[in-house]
Amino acid sequence: MLVRLTGMNNVLRNLNTYVNNTVKALESVSSDYAKAMQAYSKANRPWTDRTGMARRGLLGYVLSEPTRIRTRIAHQVPYGIHLELGHQGRFSILQPTVSQHIADYYRDVERVVRGR
């Protein structure tokens, strides 16, 4: 007995649209959090500016890859690693910034994925 399915092109087109819209929404959430983390890290840095280069060098950004979207915060100055890891972590800002935003970020990602 042969069963003929119709409408498969519509199903595939709708699925493709759903996936594309979800990816765009996730990229938008990630972009918003990258900007928020950048602003937070600049405003809450635990060091006193000497030249302002370390503060200006704090950058939030998004990497969109085929299988994942990465939201990042990073230093752009060569001595950023020393601010993060030296001096018993007194001048660290990257991990505190991520910790401040991670719960809300996951909540917003879940809302997108669940379609809320």
Foldseek 3Di string as FASTA:
>chain_A
DDDDDPDVVVVVVVVVVLVVVLVVQLQVLLAVLLVVLLVVLLVDFQDDDDPCQQNVQWGWDWDDDPVDIDTAIDGPDPCRVCLCPNPPRSRRRRVVSCVVCVVVSVVSSVCSVVVD
